[in-house]
């Protein structure tokens, strides 16, 4: 089950066009997490080394472009991020985040509203983002009821399991 309540955490800010090769390099698909963790967005080694459970990855346009590999989403989940918030997402990546139960919020203006290290309070269910460091608030594109059900169940498989057992 995913927790779609209010989360607080630190911002890790990235730019536009973050492709899936940078989130899950093609040659690092099968090693244990302890070996591949440092390859996630390795242009900023401190990100994978220092991010804490509940932190937020904030990015610009077209986040998750490139191939449709699911390990890109898995790696973000293993970092224990609350969610990714970006100006926009590549369509297949966005679908993968919902299907696997990892929330990603599309929020126009988020790049200019945040800096590295800002503290956010994000209500994933309501799609509201408060920058506690700057005293500002933004609204992201809300999830529809079907997407919320999938996210709450921890992904499509979780939703199917729920429905099969009821």
C-alpha atoms as a PDB file:
ATOM      1  CA  UNK A   1       0.000   0.000   0.000  1.00  0.00           C
ATOM      2  CA  UNK A   2       1.227   3.483  -0.834  1.00  0.00           C
ATOM      3  CA  UNK A   3       0.988   6.323   1.627  1.00  0.00           C
ATOM      4  CA  UNK A   4      -0.666   9.245  -0.157  1.00  0.00           C
ATOM      5  CA  UNK A   5      -0.916  11.459   2.895  1.00  0.00           C
ATOM      6  CA  UNK A   6       1.134  14.558   3.652  1.00  0.00           C
ATOM      7  CA  UNK A   7       4.910  14.155   3.366  1.00  0.00           C
ATOM      8  CA  UNK A   8       7.726  16.475   4.380  1.00  0.00           C
ATOM      9  CA  UNK A   9      11.214  16.329   2.989  1.00  0.00           C
ATOM     10  CA  UNK A  10      14.151  17.964   1.313  1.00  0.00           C
ATOM     11  CA  UNK A  11      14.306  18.982  -2.346  1.00  0.00           C
ATOM     12  CA  UNK A  12      16.875  17.451  -4.666  1.00  0.00           C
ATOM     13  CA  UNK A  13      16.624  19.577  -7.799  1.00  0.00           C
ATOM     14  CA  UNK A  14      17.441  18.454 -11.319  1.00  0.00           C
ATOM     15  CA  UNK A  15      16.890  19.991 -14.746  1.00  0.00           C
ATOM     16  CA  UNK A  16      15.023  19.083 -17.918  1.00  0.00           C
ATOM     17  CA  UNK A  17      15.145  15.848 -19.930  1.00  0.00           C
ATOM     18  CA  UNK A  18      16.294  13.466 -17.199  1.00  0.00           C
ATOM     19  CA  UNK A  19      16.293  10.212 -19.136  1.00  0.00           C
ATOM     20  CA  UNK A  20      15.840   6.694 -17.827  1.00  0.00           C
ATOM     21  CA  UNK A  21      19.467   5.838 -18.640  1.00  0.00           C
ATOM     22  CA  UNK A  22      20.471   8.287 -15.905  1.00  0.00           C
ATOM     23  CA  UNK A  23      17.990   6.742 -13.467  1.00  0.00           C
ATOM     24  CA  UNK A  24      18.826   3.117 -14.298  1.00  0.00           C
ATOM     25  CA  UNK A  25      21.891   2.700 -16.521  1.00  0.00           C
ATOM     26  CA  UNK A  26      21.429  -0.119 -19.028  1.00  0.00           C
ATOM     27  CA  UNK A  27      24.443  -2.038 -17.721  1.00  0.00           C
ATOM     28  CA  UNK A  28      23.225  -1.979 -14.103  1.00  0.00           C
ATOM     29  CA  UNK A  29      19.904  -3.810 -14.353  1.00  0.00           C
ATOM     30  CA  UNK A  30      20.602  -6.917 -12.298  1.00  0.00           C
ATOM     31  CA  UNK A  31      23.164  -6.164  -9.571  1.00  0.00           C
ATOM     32  CA  UNK A  32      21.975  -5.826  -5.983  1.00  0.00           C
ATOM     33  CA  UNK A  33      20.749  -2.407  -4.908  1.00  0.00           C
ATOM     34  CA  UNK A  34      23.882  -1.805  -2.832  1.00  0.00           C
ATOM     35  CA  UNK A  35      25.935  -1.992  -6.046  1.00  0.00           C
ATOM     36  CA  UNK A  36      23.686   0.050  -8.306  1.00  0.00           C
ATOM     37  CA  UNK A  37      22.562   2.778  -5.891  1.00  0.00           C
ATOM     38  CA  UNK A  38      25.529   5.008  -6.756  1.00  0.00           C
ATOM     39  CA  UNK A  39      24.643   4.879 -10.475  1.00  0.00           C
ATOM     40  CA  UNK A  40      21.319   6.708 -10.004  1.00  0.00           C
ATOM     41  CA  UNK A  41      21.836  10.229 -11.361  1.00  0.00           C
ATOM     42  CA  UNK A  42      25.558   9.730 -10.867  1.00  0.00           C
ATOM     43  CA  UNK A  43      26.347  13.209 -12.192  1.00  0.00           C
ATOM     44  CA  UNK A  44      25.433  14.247  -8.637  1.00  0.00           C
ATOM     45  CA  UNK A  45      26.914  11.459  -6.504  1.00  0.00           C
ATOM     46  CA  UNK A  46      25.733  13.120  -3.304  1.00  0.00           C
ATOM     47  CA  UNK A  47      22.108  12.581  -4.365  1.00  0.00           C
ATOM     48  CA  UNK A  48      22.062   8.784  -4.103  1.00  0.00           C
ATOM     49  CA  UNK A  49      24.492   8.815  -1.181  1.00  0.00           C
ATOM     50  CA  UNK A  50      22.695  11.404   0.947  1.00  0.00           C
ATOM     51  CA  UNK A  51      19.007  11.451   0.081  1.00  0.00           C
ATOM     52  CA  UNK A  52      16.819  10.467   2.989  1.00  0.00           C
ATOM     53  CA  UNK A  53      13.519   8.605   3.129  1.00  0.00           C
ATOM     54  CA  UNK A  54      10.754  11.083   2.355  1.00  0.00           C
ATOM     55  CA  UNK A  55      12.855  13.471   0.262  1.00  0.00           C
ATOM     56  CA  UNK A  56      11.594  14.794  -3.074  1.00  0.00           C
ATOM     57  CA  UNK A  57      13.219  14.805  -6.481  1.00  0.00           C
ATOM     58  CA  UNK A  58      12.143  18.006  -8.254  1.00  0.00           C
ATOM     59  CA  UNK A  59      12.843  18.352 -11.963  1.00  0.00           C
ATOM     60  CA  UNK A  60      12.029  20.301 -15.078  1.00  0.00           C
ATOM     61  CA  UNK A  61      10.314  19.182 -18.267  1.00  0.00           C
ATOM     62  CA  UNK A  62      10.197  15.712 -19.814  1.00  0.00           C
ATOM     63  CA  UNK A  63      11.320  13.729 -16.760  1.00  0.00           C
ATOM     64  CA  UNK A  64      11.810  10.034 -17.519  1.00  0.00           C
ATOM     65  CA  UNK A  65      12.318  10.381 -21.257  1.00  0.00           C
ATOM     66  CA  UNK A  66      14.128   7.595 -23.086  1.00  0.00           C
ATOM     67  CA  UNK A  67      13.433   3.906 -22.799  1.00  0.00           C
ATOM     68  CA  UNK A  68      10.506   2.462 -20.903  1.00  0.00           C
ATOM     69  CA  UNK A  69      12.552   0.457 -18.421  1.00  0.00           C
ATOM     70  CA  UNK A  70      10.813  -0.108 -15.114  1.00  0.00           C
ATOM     71  CA  UNK A  71      14.078  -0.242 -13.097  1.00  0.00           C
ATOM     72  CA  UNK A  72      14.180   3.554 -13.436  1.00  0.00           C
ATOM     73  CA  UNK A  73      11.065   3.761 -11.255  1.00  0.00           C
ATOM     74  CA  UNK A  74      12.266   0.926  -9.010  1.00  0.00           C
ATOM     75  CA  UNK A  75      15.502   2.777  -8.272  1.00  0.00           C
ATOM     76  CA  UNK A  76      13.603   5.901  -7.210  1.00  0.00           C
ATOM     77  CA  UNK A  77      11.415   3.786  -4.943  1.00  0.00           C
ATOM     78  CA  UNK A  78      14.479   2.094  -3.429  1.00  0.00           C
ATOM     79  CA  UNK A  79      15.884   5.538  -2.608  1.00  0.00           C
ATOM     80  CA  UNK A  80      12.685   5.898  -0.514  1.00  0.00           C
ATOM     81  CA  UNK A  81      11.679   9.196  -2.093  1.00  0.00           C
ATOM     82  CA  UNK A  82       8.135  10.339  -1.321  1.00  0.00           C
ATOM     83  CA  UNK A  83       7.578  11.176  -4.973  1.00  0.00           C
ATOM     84  CA  UNK A  84       8.994  12.936  -8.005  1.00  0.00           C
ATOM     85  CA  UNK A  85       7.618  16.358  -8.839  1.00  0.00           C
ATOM     86  CA  UNK A  86       8.376  17.670 -12.315  1.00  0.00           C
ATOM     87  CA  UNK A  87       7.152  20.252 -14.791  1.00  0.00           C
ATOM     88  CA  UNK A  88       6.169  17.341 -17.060  1.00  0.00           C
ATOM     89  CA  UNK A  89       6.847  13.635 -17.549  1.00  0.00           C
ATOM     90  CA  UNK A  90       7.564  11.404 -20.495  1.00  0.00           C
ATOM     91  CA  UNK A  91       4.328   9.488 -21.091  1.00  0.00           C
ATOM     92  CA  UNK A  92       5.648   5.929 -20.687  1.00  0.00           C
ATOM     93  CA  UNK A  93       7.642   6.770 -17.568  1.00  0.00           C
ATOM     94  CA  UNK A  94       4.585   8.416 -16.007  1.00  0.00           C
ATOM     95  CA  UNK A  95       2.460   5.365 -16.786  1.00  0.00           C
ATOM     96  CA  UNK A  96       5.116   3.132 -15.215  1.00  0.00           C
ATOM     97  CA  UNK A  97       5.102   5.206 -12.019  1.00  0.00           C
ATOM     98  CA  UNK A  98       1.350   4.806 -11.626  1.00  0.00           C
ATOM     99  CA  UNK A  99       1.365   1.132 -12.624  1.00  0.00           C
ATOM    100  CA  UNK A 100       4.025   0.349 -10.025  1.00  0.00           C
ATOM    101  CA  UNK A 101       2.479   2.508  -7.297  1.00  0.00           C
ATOM    102  CA  UNK A 102       5.107   5.269  -7.157  1.00  0.00           C
ATOM    103  CA  UNK A 103       3.514   8.738  -7.243  1.00  0.00           C
ATOM    104  CA  UNK A 104       4.819  11.374  -9.629  1.00  0.00           C
ATOM    105  CA  UNK A 105       3.244  14.819  -9.628  1.00  0.00           C
ATOM    106  CA  UNK A 106       3.199  17.021 -12.729  1.00  0.00           C
ATOM    107  CA  UNK A 107       3.388  20.608 -11.528  1.00  0.00           C
ATOM    108  CA  UNK A 108       3.975  23.521 -13.907  1.00  0.00           C
ATOM    109  CA  UNK A 109       6.197  26.105 -12.233  1.00  0.00           C
ATOM    110  CA  UNK A 110       7.827  23.713  -9.770  1.00  0.00           C
ATOM    111  CA  UNK A 111      11.355  24.303 -11.116  1.00  0.00           C
ATOM    112  CA  UNK A 112      11.311  28.015 -10.428  1.00  0.00           C
ATOM    113  CA  UNK A 113       9.499  27.520  -7.107  1.00  0.00           C
ATOM    114  CA  UNK A 114      12.195  25.328  -5.519  1.00  0.00           C
ATOM    115  CA  UNK A 115      15.908  25.208  -4.878  1.00  0.00           C
ATOM    116  CA  UNK A 116      18.136  22.403  -3.675  1.00  0.00           C
ATOM    117  CA  UNK A 117      17.636  21.884   0.026  1.00  0.00           C
ATOM    118  CA  UNK A 118      14.251  23.610   0.334  1.00  0.00           C
ATOM    119  CA  UNK A 119      11.806  21.829   2.602  1.00  0.00           C
ATOM    120  CA  UNK A 120       8.503  20.808   1.031  1.00  0.00           C
ATOM    121  CA  UNK A 121       5.244  19.609   2.457  1.00  0.00           C
ATOM    122  CA  UNK A 122       3.373  17.644  -0.186  1.00  0.00           C
ATOM    123  CA  UNK A 123      -0.125  16.230  -0.001  1.00  0.00           C
ATOM    124  CA  UNK A 124       0.023  13.616  -2.740  1.00  0.00           C
ATOM    125  CA  UNK A 125      -3.697  12.827  -2.612  1.00  0.00           C
ATOM    126  CA  UNK A 126      -4.665  16.492  -2.930  1.00  0.00           C
ATOM    127  CA  UNK A 127      -1.762  17.351  -5.273  1.00  0.00           C
ATOM    128  CA  UNK A 128      -0.726  20.362  -3.227  1.00  0.00           C
ATOM    129  CA  UNK A 129       2.874  21.411  -2.694  1.00  0.00           C
ATOM    130  CA  UNK A 130       3.937  23.861   0.004  1.00  0.00           C
ATOM    131  CA  UNK A 131       7.484  25.145  -0.033  1.00  0.00           C
ATOM    132  CA  UNK A 132       8.057  25.701   3.672  1.00  0.00           C
ATOM    133  CA  UNK A 133      11.422  27.362   3.025  1.00  0.00           C
ATOM    134  CA  UNK A 134       9.907  30.042   0.782  1.00  0.00           C
ATOM    135  CA  UNK A 135       6.340  30.232   2.073  1.00  0.00           C
ATOM    136  CA  UNK A 136       4.779  29.433  -1.316  1.00  0.00           C
ATOM    137  CA  UNK A 137       2.207  26.920  -2.492  1.00  0.00           C
ATOM    138  CA  UNK A 138       1.550  25.266  -5.840  1.00  0.00           C
ATOM    139  CA  UNK A 139      -1.066  22.886  -7.169  1.00  0.00           C
ATOM    140  CA  UNK A 140      -0.031  19.898  -9.211  1.00  0.00           C
ATOM    141  CA  UNK A 141      -2.172  17.967 -11.669  1.00  0.00           C
ATOM    142  CA  UNK A 142      -4.404  15.846  -9.413  1.00  0.00           C
ATOM    143  CA  UNK A 143      -4.735  12.112  -9.836  1.00  0.00           C
ATOM    144  CA  UNK A 144      -8.121  10.835 -10.938  1.00  0.00           C
ATOM    145  CA  UNK A 145      -9.982   8.241  -8.842  1.00  0.00           C
ATOM    146  CA  UNK A 146      -8.661   5.288 -10.855  1.00  0.00           C
ATOM    147  CA  UNK A 147      -5.067   6.456 -10.519  1.00  0.00           C
ATOM    148  CA  UNK A 148      -5.534   7.023  -6.780  1.00  0.00           C
ATOM    149  CA  UNK A 149      -6.911   3.491  -6.377  1.00  0.00           C
ATOM    150  CA  UNK A 150      -3.899   2.065  -8.207  1.00  0.00           C
ATOM    151  CA  UNK A 151      -1.445   4.137  -6.146  1.00  0.00           C
ATOM    152  CA  UNK A 152      -3.172   3.278  -2.858  1.00  0.00           C
ATOM    153  CA  UNK A 153      -2.972  -0.425  -3.687  1.00  0.00           C
ATOM    154  CA  UNK A 154       0.754  -0.149  -4.335  1.00  0.00           C
ATOM    155  CA  UNK A 155       0.356  -0.555  -8.094  1.00  0.00           C
ATOM    156  CA  UNK A 156      -1.729  -2.457 -10.610  1.00  0.00           C
ATOM    157  CA  UNK A 157      -0.799  -5.867  -9.201  1.00  0.00           C
ATOM    158  CA  UNK A 158      -1.853  -4.785  -5.733  1.00  0.00           C
ATOM    159  CA  UNK A 159      -5.173  -3.522  -7.053  1.00  0.00           C
ATOM    160  CA  UNK A 160      -5.781  -6.789  -8.907  1.00  0.00           C
ATOM    161  CA  UNK A 161      -4.986  -8.757  -5.746  1.00  0.00           C
ATOM    162  CA  UNK A 162      -7.455  -6.623  -3.766  1.00  0.00           C
ATOM    163  CA  UNK A 163     -10.184  -7.105  -6.304  1.00  0.00           C
ATOM    164  CA  UNK A 164      -9.551 -10.862  -6.597  1.00  0.00           C
ATOM    165  CA  UNK A 165      -9.826 -11.336  -2.838  1.00  0.00           C
ATOM    166  CA  UNK A 166     -13.063  -9.391  -2.423  1.00  0.00           C
END
